[in-house]
C-alpha atoms as a PDB file:
ATOM      1  CA  UNK A   1      -7.960  55.508-133.458  1.00  0.00           C
ATOM      2  CA  UNK A   2      -6.083  56.275-130.294  1.00  0.00           C
ATOM      3  CA  UNK A   3      -6.061  59.675-128.678  1.00  0.00           C
ATOM      4  CA  UNK A   4      -3.837  60.727-125.776  1.00  0.00           C
ATOM      5  CA  UNK A   5      -5.734  62.589-123.070  1.00  0.00           C
ATOM      6  CA  UNK A   6      -4.836  64.274-119.833  1.00  0.00           C
ATOM      7  CA  UNK A   7      -3.188  62.288-117.070  1.00  0.00           C
ATOM      8  CA  UNK A   8      -1.595  60.042-119.732  1.00  0.00           C
ATOM      9  CA  UNK A   9      -4.776  58.030-120.207  1.00  0.00           C
ATOM     10  CA  UNK A  10      -5.240  56.731-123.734  1.00  0.00           C
ATOM     11  CA  UNK A  11      -8.693  56.165-125.195  1.00  0.00           C
ATOM     12  CA  UNK A  12      -9.120  53.929-128.191  1.00  0.00           C
ATOM     13  CA  UNK A  13     -10.718  50.811-129.585  1.00  0.00           C
ATOM     14  CA  UNK A  14      -9.588  47.307-130.401  1.00  0.00           C
ATOM     15  CA  UNK A  15     -11.064  44.342-132.253  1.00  0.00           C
ATOM     16  CA  UNK A  16     -10.803  40.879-130.752  1.00  0.00           C
ATOM     17  CA  UNK A  17      -9.229  38.341-133.063  1.00  0.00           C
ATOM     18  CA  UNK A  18     -12.258  36.050-132.942  1.00  0.00           C
ATOM     19  CA  UNK A  19     -14.818  38.861-133.315  1.00  0.00           C
ATOM     20  CA  UNK A  20     -13.517  40.885-136.230  1.00  0.00           C
ATOM     21  CA  UNK A  21     -15.520  43.954-137.206  1.00  0.00           C
ATOM     22  CA  UNK A  22     -16.756  44.629-133.662  1.00  0.00           C
ATOM     23  CA  UNK A  23     -14.953  47.266-131.620  1.00  0.00           C
ATOM     24  CA  UNK A  24     -14.290  47.294-127.889  1.00  0.00           C
ATOM     25  CA  UNK A  25     -13.514  50.761-126.573  1.00  0.00           C
ATOM     26  CA  UNK A  26     -11.053  51.140-123.735  1.00  0.00           C
ATOM     27  CA  UNK A  27      -9.222  53.603-121.498  1.00  0.00           C
ATOM     28  CA  UNK A  28      -5.634  52.682-120.745  1.00  0.00           C
ATOM     29  CA  UNK A  29      -2.889  54.143-118.554  1.00  0.00           C
ATOM     30  CA  UNK A  30       0.603  52.643-118.903  1.00  0.00           C
ATOM     31  CA  UNK A  31       2.602  51.775-115.831  1.00  0.00           C
ATOM     32  CA  UNK A  32       4.655  54.592-114.327  1.00  0.00           C
ATOM     33  CA  UNK A  33       8.101  54.932-115.949  1.00  0.00           C
ATOM     34  CA  UNK A  34       9.962  54.180-112.723  1.00  0.00           C
ATOM     35  CA  UNK A  35       8.575  50.647-112.700  1.00  0.00           C
ATOM     36  CA  UNK A  36       7.625  48.940-109.479  1.00  0.00           C
ATOM     37  CA  UNK A  37       4.844  46.828-110.997  1.00  0.00           C
ATOM     38  CA  UNK A  38       6.640  44.816-113.691  1.00  0.00           C
ATOM     39  CA  UNK A  39       3.830  42.356-114.405  1.00  0.00           C
ATOM     40  CA  UNK A  40       0.735  44.007-112.975  1.00  0.00           C
ATOM     41  CA  UNK A  41      -2.363  45.188-114.813  1.00  0.00           C
ATOM     42  CA  UNK A  42      -5.243  46.732-112.861  1.00  0.00           C
ATOM     43  CA  UNK A  43      -8.506  46.052-114.704  1.00  0.00           C
ATOM     44  CA  UNK A  44     -11.741  47.889-113.916  1.00  0.00           C
ATOM     45  CA  UNK A  45     -14.937  45.918-114.539  1.00  0.00           C
ATOM     46  CA  UNK A  46     -18.217  47.769-114.982  1.00  0.00           C
ATOM     47  CA  UNK A  47     -21.645  46.994-113.690  1.00  0.00           C
ATOM     48  CA  UNK A  48     -24.474  46.078-116.041  1.00  0.00           C
ATOM     49  CA  UNK A  49     -25.060  48.726-118.724  1.00  0.00           C
ATOM     50  CA  UNK A  50     -22.756  51.198-116.922  1.00  0.00           C
ATOM     51  CA  UNK A  51     -19.952  52.449-119.244  1.00  0.00           C
ATOM     52  CA  UNK A  52     -16.238  52.575-118.490  1.00  0.00           C
ATOM     53  CA  UNK A  53     -16.337  56.390-118.187  1.00  0.00           C
ATOM     54  CA  UNK A  54     -17.283  55.980-114.531  1.00  0.00           C
ATOM     55  CA  UNK A  55     -13.753  54.758-113.796  1.00  0.00           C
ATOM     56  CA  UNK A  56     -11.971  57.712-115.436  1.00  0.00           C
ATOM     57  CA  UNK A  57     -11.715  59.801-112.282  1.00  0.00           C
ATOM     58  CA  UNK A  58     -10.530  56.750-110.309  1.00  0.00           C
ATOM     59  CA  UNK A  59      -7.686  56.127-112.742  1.00  0.00           C
ATOM     60  CA  UNK A  60      -6.776  59.817-112.787  1.00  0.00           C
ATOM     61  CA  UNK A  61      -6.746  59.980-108.982  1.00  0.00           C
ATOM     62  CA  UNK A  62      -4.472  56.931-108.756  1.00  0.00           C
ATOM     63  CA  UNK A  63      -2.015  58.470-111.206  1.00  0.00           C
ATOM     64  CA  UNK A  64      -2.106  61.878-109.518  1.00  0.00           C
ATOM     65  CA  UNK A  65      -1.708  60.446-106.021  1.00  0.00           C
ATOM     66  CA  UNK A  66       1.195  58.237-107.105  1.00  0.00           C
ATOM     67  CA  UNK A  67       2.955  61.171-108.758  1.00  0.00           C
ATOM     68  CA  UNK A  68       2.446  63.431-105.738  1.00  0.00           C
ATOM     69  CA  UNK A  69       3.876  60.793-103.391  1.00  0.00           C
ATOM     70  CA  UNK A  70       6.691  59.803-105.717  1.00  0.00           C
ATOM     71  CA  UNK A  71       5.383  56.231-105.941  1.00  0.00           C
ATOM     72  CA  UNK A  72       4.923  53.940-108.933  1.00  0.00           C
ATOM     73  CA  UNK A  73       1.529  52.812-110.177  1.00  0.00           C
ATOM     74  CA  UNK A  74       0.580  49.811-112.291  1.00  0.00           C
ATOM     75  CA  UNK A  75      -0.810  49.821-115.790  1.00  0.00           C
ATOM     76  CA  UNK A  76      -4.575  50.301-115.712  1.00  0.00           C
ATOM     77  CA  UNK A  77      -7.311  49.293-118.134  1.00  0.00           C
ATOM     78  CA  UNK A  78     -11.056  49.899-118.269  1.00  0.00           C
ATOM     79  CA  UNK A  79     -13.279  48.976-121.187  1.00  0.00           C
ATOM     80  CA  UNK A  80     -16.835  48.883-122.433  1.00  0.00           C
ATOM     81  CA  UNK A  81     -18.049  45.334-122.867  1.00  0.00           C
ATOM     82  CA  UNK A  82     -19.890  44.500-126.061  1.00  0.00           C
ATOM     83  CA  UNK A  83     -23.180  46.383-125.996  1.00  0.00           C
ATOM     84  CA  UNK A  84     -21.925  48.907-123.423  1.00  0.00           C
ATOM     85  CA  UNK A  85     -20.910  52.528-123.809  1.00  0.00           C
ATOM     86  CA  UNK A  86     -19.108  53.106-127.116  1.00  0.00           C
ATOM     87  CA  UNK A  87     -18.483  49.432-127.906  1.00  0.00           C
ATOM     88  CA  UNK A  88     -20.205  47.479-130.662  1.00  0.00           C
ATOM     89  CA  UNK A  89     -22.920  44.953-129.930  1.00  0.00           C
ATOM     90  CA  UNK A  90     -21.600  41.434-129.513  1.00  0.00           C
ATOM     91  CA  UNK A  91     -21.619  39.925-133.037  1.00  0.00           C
ATOM     92  CA  UNK A  92     -22.514  36.559-131.503  1.00  0.00           C
ATOM     93  CA  UNK A  93     -25.854  38.039-130.388  1.00  0.00           C
ATOM     94  CA  UNK A  94     -27.201  38.187-133.934  1.00  0.00           C
ATOM     95  CA  UNK A  95     -30.342  36.134-134.325  1.00  0.00           C
ATOM     96  CA  UNK A  96     -30.642  35.423-130.594  1.00  0.00           C
ATOM     97  CA  UNK A  97     -33.252  36.531-128.077  1.00  0.00           C
ATOM     98  CA  UNK A  98     -32.948  40.309-127.552  1.00  0.00           C
ATOM     99  CA  UNK A  99     -31.325  41.138-124.249  1.00  0.00           C
ATOM    100  CA  UNK A 100     -30.004  37.602-123.754  1.00  0.00           C
ATOM    101  CA  UNK A 101     -27.578  37.182-126.639  1.00  0.00           C
ATOM    102  CA  UNK A 102     -24.486  36.177-124.642  1.00  0.00           C
ATOM    103  CA  UNK A 103     -23.754  35.203-121.064  1.00  0.00           C
ATOM    104  CA  UNK A 104     -21.146  35.966-118.423  1.00  0.00           C
ATOM    105  CA  UNK A 105     -18.917  33.108-119.596  1.00  0.00           C
ATOM    106  CA  UNK A 106     -18.732  34.731-123.006  1.00  0.00           C
ATOM    107  CA  UNK A 107     -17.856  38.062-121.372  1.00  0.00           C
ATOM    108  CA  UNK A 108     -15.082  36.395-119.340  1.00  0.00           C
ATOM    109  CA  UNK A 109     -13.589  34.788-122.455  1.00  0.00           C
ATOM    110  CA  UNK A 110     -13.725  38.145-124.245  1.00  0.00           C
ATOM    111  CA  UNK A 111     -11.899  39.759-121.333  1.00  0.00           C
ATOM    112  CA  UNK A 112      -9.155  37.126-121.418  1.00  0.00           C
ATOM    113  CA  UNK A 113      -8.739  37.645-125.164  1.00  0.00           C
ATOM    114  CA  UNK A 114      -8.645  41.425-124.697  1.00  0.00           C
ATOM    115  CA  UNK A 115      -5.906  41.206-122.070  1.00  0.00           C
ATOM    116  CA  UNK A 116      -3.951  38.707-124.165  1.00  0.00           C
ATOM    117  CA  UNK A 117      -3.999  40.998-127.194  1.00  0.00           C
ATOM    118  CA  UNK A 118      -3.060  44.028-125.113  1.00  0.00           C
ATOM    119  CA  UNK A 119      -0.094  42.140-123.714  1.00  0.00           C
ATOM    120  CA  UNK A 120       1.185  41.536-127.240  1.00  0.00           C
ATOM    121  CA  UNK A 121       0.130  44.662-129.104  1.00  0.00           C
ATOM    122  CA  UNK A 122       0.959  47.347-126.546  1.00  0.00           C
ATOM    123  CA  UNK A 123       4.021  48.136-124.423  1.00  0.00           C
ATOM    124  CA  UNK A 124       1.984  47.703-121.266  1.00  0.00           C
ATOM    125  CA  UNK A 125       4.500  46.336-118.847  1.00  0.00           C
ATOM    126  CA  UNK A 126       8.169  45.857-118.158  1.00  0.00           C
ATOM    127  CA  UNK A 127       7.905  42.250-119.293  1.00  0.00           C
ATOM    128  CA  UNK A 128       8.095  40.112-122.416  1.00  0.00           C
ATOM    129  CA  UNK A 129       4.999  40.064-124.608  1.00  0.00           C
ATOM    130  CA  UNK A 130       4.489  36.303-124.184  1.00  0.00           C
ATOM    131  CA  UNK A 131       3.803  36.657-120.453  1.00  0.00           C
ATOM    132  CA  UNK A 132       0.243  36.987-119.182  1.00  0.00           C
ATOM    133  CA  UNK A 133       0.034  39.812-116.628  1.00  0.00           C
ATOM    134  CA  UNK A 134      -0.730  39.566-112.940  1.00  0.00           C
ATOM    135  CA  UNK A 135      -4.214  41.008-112.635  1.00  0.00           C
ATOM    136  CA  UNK A 136      -5.847  43.182-110.000  1.00  0.00           C
ATOM    137  CA  UNK A 137      -9.589  43.475-110.589  1.00  0.00           C
ATOM    138  CA  UNK A 138     -11.503  46.517-109.344  1.00  0.00           C
ATOM    139  CA  UNK A 139     -15.127  45.783-110.073  1.00  0.00           C
ATOM    140  CA  UNK A 140     -18.699  46.788-109.430  1.00  0.00           C
ATOM    141  CA  UNK A 141     -21.972  44.852-109.376  1.00  0.00           C
ATOM    142  CA  UNK A 142     -21.977  42.149-112.068  1.00  0.00           C
ATOM    143  CA  UNK A 143     -18.330  42.982-112.741  1.00  0.00           C
ATOM    144  CA  UNK A 144     -17.608  41.243-109.417  1.00  0.00           C
ATOM    145  CA  UNK A 145     -19.151  38.040-110.738  1.00  0.00           C
ATOM    146  CA  UNK A 146     -17.046  38.313-113.882  1.00  0.00           C
ATOM    147  CA  UNK A 147     -13.902  38.715-111.757  1.00  0.00           C
ATOM    148  CA  UNK A 148     -14.750  35.625-109.694  1.00  0.00           C
ATOM    149  CA  UNK A 149     -15.404  33.545-112.791  1.00  0.00           C
ATOM    150  CA  UNK A 150     -12.223  34.782-114.460  1.00  0.00           C
ATOM    151  CA  UNK A 151     -10.106  33.792-111.453  1.00  0.00           C
ATOM    152  CA  UNK A 152     -11.845  30.408-111.391  1.00  0.00           C
ATOM    153  CA  UNK A 153     -11.460  29.661-115.103  1.00  0.00           C
ATOM    154  CA  UNK A 154      -7.934  31.055-115.442  1.00  0.00           C
ATOM    155  CA  UNK A 155      -6.186  30.051-112.189  1.00  0.00           C
ATOM    156  CA  UNK A 156      -2.869  31.677-111.388  1.00  0.00           C
ATOM    157  CA  UNK A 157      -3.669  34.961-113.159  1.00  0.00           C
ATOM    158  CA  UNK A 158      -5.379  37.109-110.494  1.00  0.00           C
ATOM    159  CA  UNK A 159      -3.398  38.514-107.565  1.00  0.00           C
ATOM    160  CA  UNK A 160      -6.145  40.672-106.056  1.00  0.00           C
ATOM    161  CA  UNK A 161      -9.798  41.684-106.288  1.00  0.00           C
ATOM    162  CA  UNK A 162     -11.690  44.677-104.934  1.00  0.00           C
ATOM    163  CA  UNK A 163     -15.426  43.982-105.042  1.00  0.00           C
ATOM    164  CA  UNK A 164     -17.604  47.095-104.842  1.00  0.00           C
ATOM    165  CA  UNK A 165     -21.316  46.530-104.178  1.00  0.00           C
ATOM    166  CA  UNK A 166     -21.116  43.037-105.641  1.00  0.00           C
ATOM    167  CA  UNK A 167     -24.081  41.406-107.315  1.00  0.00           C
ATOM    168  CA  UNK A 168     -25.688  38.544-105.391  1.00  0.00           C
ATOM    169  CA  UNK A 169     -24.846  36.009-108.064  1.00  0.00           C
ATOM    170  CA  UNK A 170     -26.899  33.153-106.599  1.00  0.00           C
ATOM    171  CA  UNK A 171     -30.081  35.165-106.041  1.00  0.00           C
ATOM    172  CA  UNK A 172     -33.114  35.933-108.194  1.00  0.00           C
ATOM    173  CA  UNK A 173     -33.471  39.253-106.280  1.00  0.00           C
ATOM    174  CA  UNK A 174     -37.100  38.452-105.513  1.00  0.00           C
ATOM    175  CA  UNK A 175     -36.921  35.627-103.003  1.00  0.00           C
ATOM    176  CA  UNK A 176     -34.693  37.731-100.735  1.00  0.00           C
ATOM    177  CA  UNK A 177     -37.991  39.326 -99.655  1.00  0.00           C
ATOM    178  CA  UNK A 178     -40.543  37.227 -97.722  1.00  0.00           C
ATOM    179  CA  UNK A 179     -43.513  36.136 -99.803  1.00  0.00           C
ATOM    180  CA  UNK A 180     -46.684  37.426 -98.108  1.00  0.00           C
ATOM    181  CA  UNK A 181     -48.757  34.958-100.130  1.00  0.00           C
ATOM    182  CA  UNK A 182     -46.755  31.877 -99.180  1.00  0.00           C
ATOM    183  CA  UNK A 183     -48.326  29.262 -96.861  1.00  0.00           C
ATOM    184  CA  UNK A 184     -47.449  29.916 -93.244  1.00  0.00           C
ATOM    185  CA  UNK A 185     -46.616  33.598 -93.731  1.00  0.00           C
ATOM    186  CA  UNK A 186     -47.210  35.495 -90.496  1.00  0.00           C
ATOM    187  CA  UNK A 187     -47.622  39.280 -90.889  1.00  0.00           C
ATOM    188  CA  UNK A 188     -47.070  39.684 -87.147  1.00  0.00           C
ATOM    189  CA  UNK A 189     -43.382  38.892 -87.704  1.00  0.00           C
ATOM    190  CA  UNK A 190     -42.848  41.902 -89.953  1.00  0.00           C
ATOM    191  CA  UNK A 191     -40.863  44.910 -88.694  1.00  0.00           C
ATOM    192  CA  UNK A 192     -42.838  47.884 -87.503  1.00  0.00           C
ATOM    193  CA  UNK A 193     -44.117  49.967 -90.382  1.00  0.00           C
ATOM    194  CA  UNK A 194     -43.835  47.150 -92.946  1.00  0.00           C
ATOM    195  CA  UNK A 195     -47.004  45.575 -94.317  1.00  0.00           C
ATOM    196  CA  UNK A 196     -47.738  42.555 -96.452  1.00  0.00           C
ATOM    197  CA  UNK A 197     -48.699  44.915 -99.262  1.00  0.00           C
ATOM    198  CA  UNK A 198     -45.283  46.601 -98.987  1.00  0.00           C
ATOM    199  CA  UNK A 199     -43.688  43.203 -99.576  1.00  0.00           C
ATOM    200  CA  UNK A 200     -45.880  42.485-102.599  1.00  0.00           C
ATOM    201  CA  UNK A 201     -45.009  45.845-104.113  1.00  0.00           C
ATOM    202  CA  UNK A 202     -41.282  45.438-103.437  1.00  0.00           C
ATOM    203  CA  UNK A 203     -41.171  41.901-104.845  1.00  0.00           C
ATOM    204  CA  UNK A 204     -42.976  43.050-107.976  1.00  0.00           C
ATOM    205  CA  UNK A 205     -40.589  45.959-108.511  1.00  0.00           C
ATOM    206  CA  UNK A 206     -37.499  43.799-107.993  1.00  0.00           C
ATOM    207  CA  UNK A 207     -38.872  41.131-110.326  1.00  0.00           C
ATOM    208  CA  UNK A 208     -39.456  43.739-113.008  1.00  0.00           C
ATOM    209  CA  UNK A 209     -36.046  45.364-112.696  1.00  0.00           C
ATOM    210  CA  UNK A 210     -33.550  42.814-111.389  1.00  0.00           C
ATOM    211  CA  UNK A 211     -34.763  39.256-111.951  1.00  0.00           C
ATOM    212  CA  UNK A 212     -32.257  37.263-114.091  1.00  0.00           C
ATOM    213  CA  UNK A 213     -34.923  36.825-116.763  1.00  0.00           C
ATOM    214  CA  UNK A 214     -35.083  40.597-117.366  1.00  0.00           C
ATOM    215  CA  UNK A 215     -33.324  41.557-120.625  1.00  0.00           C
ATOM    216  CA  UNK A 216     -30.896  44.456-120.916  1.00  0.00           C
ATOM    217  CA  UNK A 217     -29.526  46.537-123.744  1.00  0.00           C
ATOM    218  CA  UNK A 218     -26.048  45.141-123.193  1.00  0.00           C
ATOM    219  CA  UNK A 219     -27.360  41.726-124.165  1.00  0.00           C
ATOM    220  CA  UNK A 220     -25.576  40.110-121.194  1.00  0.00           C
ATOM    221  CA  UNK A 221     -27.844  37.333-119.938  1.00  0.00           C
ATOM    222  CA  UNK A 222     -27.826  36.531-116.212  1.00  0.00           C
ATOM    223  CA  UNK A 223     -30.073  33.487-116.479  1.00  0.00           C
ATOM    224  CA  UNK A 224     -27.297  30.986-115.734  1.00  0.00           C
ATOM    225  CA  UNK A 225     -25.392  33.119-113.215  1.00  0.00           C
ATOM    226  CA  UNK A 226     -26.755  31.330-110.131  1.00  0.00           C
ATOM    227  CA  UNK A 227     -25.740  27.983-111.619  1.00  0.00           C
ATOM    228  CA  UNK A 228     -22.241  29.234-112.442  1.00  0.00           C
ATOM    229  CA  UNK A 229     -21.728  30.837-109.017  1.00  0.00           C
ATOM    230  CA  UNK A 230     -24.040  28.980-106.632  1.00  0.00           C
ATOM    231  CA  UNK A 231     -21.963  29.741-103.516  1.00  0.00           C
ATOM    232  CA  UNK A 232     -20.462  32.926-102.137  1.00  0.00           C
ATOM    233  CA  UNK A 233     -17.436  31.193-100.601  1.00  0.00           C
ATOM    234  CA  UNK A 234     -16.383  28.544-103.105  1.00  0.00           C
ATOM    235  CA  UNK A 235     -14.893  27.132-105.214  1.00  0.00           C
ATOM    236  CA  UNK A 236     -11.540  28.131-103.810  1.00  0.00           C
ATOM    237  CA  UNK A 237      -9.782  30.553-106.128  1.00  0.00           C
ATOM    238  CA  UNK A 238      -6.136  30.028-107.033  1.00  0.00           C
ATOM    239  CA  UNK A 239      -4.062  33.157-107.476  1.00  0.00           C
ATOM    240  CA  UNK A 240      -0.393  33.665-108.215  1.00  0.00           C
ATOM    241  CA  UNK A 241       2.056  31.037-106.961  1.00  0.00           C
ATOM    242  CA  UNK A 242      -0.836  28.829-105.910  1.00  0.00           C
ATOM    243  CA  UNK A 243      -2.120  31.240-103.282  1.00  0.00           C
ATOM    244  CA  UNK A 244      -5.597  32.726-103.326  1.00  0.00           C
ATOM    245  CA  UNK A 245      -5.985  36.288-104.599  1.00  0.00           C
ATOM    246  CA  UNK A 246      -6.151  39.010-101.963  1.00  0.00           C
ATOM    247  CA  UNK A 247      -9.749  40.138-101.526  1.00  0.00           C
ATOM    248  CA  UNK A 248     -11.377  43.356-100.363  1.00  0.00           C
ATOM    249  CA  UNK A 249     -15.178  43.645-100.270  1.00  0.00           C
ATOM    250  CA  UNK A 250     -16.847  47.048-100.005  1.00  0.00           C
ATOM    251  CA  UNK A 251     -20.594  47.676 -99.782  1.00  0.00           C
ATOM    252  CA  UNK A 252     -22.924  50.617 -99.350  1.00  0.00           C
ATOM    253  CA  UNK A 253     -24.157  51.497 -95.916  1.00  0.00           C
ATOM    254  CA  UNK A 254     -27.712  50.124 -95.873  1.00  0.00           C
ATOM    255  CA  UNK A 255     -29.388  53.377 -94.821  1.00  0.00           C
ATOM    256  CA  UNK A 256     -27.380  55.520 -97.231  1.00  0.00           C
ATOM    257  CA  UNK A 257     -28.092  53.146-100.099  1.00  0.00           C
ATOM    258  CA  UNK A 258     -31.819  53.226 -99.343  1.00  0.00           C
ATOM    259  CA  UNK A 259     -31.838  57.035 -99.247  1.00  0.00           C
ATOM    260  CA  UNK A 260     -29.945  57.283-102.526  1.00  0.00           C
ATOM    261  CA  UNK A 261     -32.232  54.732-104.159  1.00  0.00           C
ATOM    262  CA  UNK A 262     -35.247  56.917-103.414  1.00  0.00           C
ATOM    263  CA  UNK A 263     -33.763  59.633-105.631  1.00  0.00           C
ATOM    264  CA  UNK A 264     -33.418  57.286-108.637  1.00  0.00           C
ATOM    265  CA  UNK A 265     -36.259  56.733-111.078  1.00  0.00           C
ATOM    266  CA  UNK A 266     -35.881  53.181-112.377  1.00  0.00           C
ATOM    267  CA  UNK A 267     -36.730  52.593-116.023  1.00  0.00           C
ATOM    268  CA  UNK A 268     -37.979  49.118-116.794  1.00  0.00           C
ATOM    269  CA  UNK A 269     -37.639  47.295-120.107  1.00  0.00           C
ATOM    270  CA  UNK A 270     -41.387  47.485-120.753  1.00  0.00           C
ATOM    271  CA  UNK A 271     -41.279  51.275-120.460  1.00  0.00           C
ATOM    272  CA  UNK A 272     -40.829  53.237-123.731  1.00  0.00           C
ATOM    273  CA  UNK A 273     -37.362  54.744-123.770  1.00  0.00           C
ATOM    274  CA  UNK A 274     -36.146  52.555-120.927  1.00  0.00           C
ATOM    275  CA  UNK A 275     -32.412  52.585-120.349  1.00  0.00           C
ATOM    276  CA  UNK A 276     -32.094  49.435-118.242  1.00  0.00           C
END
């Protein structure tokens, strides 16, 4: 079911050995012929609900830039998790609470199995098929949490991570805002132009859209995420050769993000036709 597209990016689907009958769709670019990255696989990890298609232009730009500069590029892989994009629902979700069928640990194990099968079934790298690749994760939102957990659970596999607008894994997304109804709340401490009613409205909207208890069509539950990743700076991650993976963190400018957010109409799960 593979089809070769422009920029030598292959789109296709694969079934995990332990989840037969369910397809994961992927986009894959092999390493440049001249080598240079003999064991490296760059893996793009999506945010919640967001499909892999958002990484297509990134992969194409990397290939084009490398070719223009006469430089090699690594193999690259993006994929739709179960319940995302073109991929099947997670078969393990059957009979479970809608929107909370599997958790991030399940998604991390699926990712490890996907990479393991790719390493055997496809000529991805200039390496023997029994070697697990050196991974570079490029991830967004909850994909950043998946990358952290992967590096923690499978030490010695991740050489680098680029975290783009990472999820706050240890937050419920409500308590980050002061509670105007809590004992001791002083409205005089609020910034100019912000009222107690503004806080109530914001907390209610965030609870409805982002609280870990909110279900999503992907079926990826976030209820235990704060317990799995309670701290932003530990445990210490072990990368290749016992050294920690290189890390780059990128976030939106606060003002720009706020302006862009005003142009987005959020759809909540209780709303007919909601996409979240």
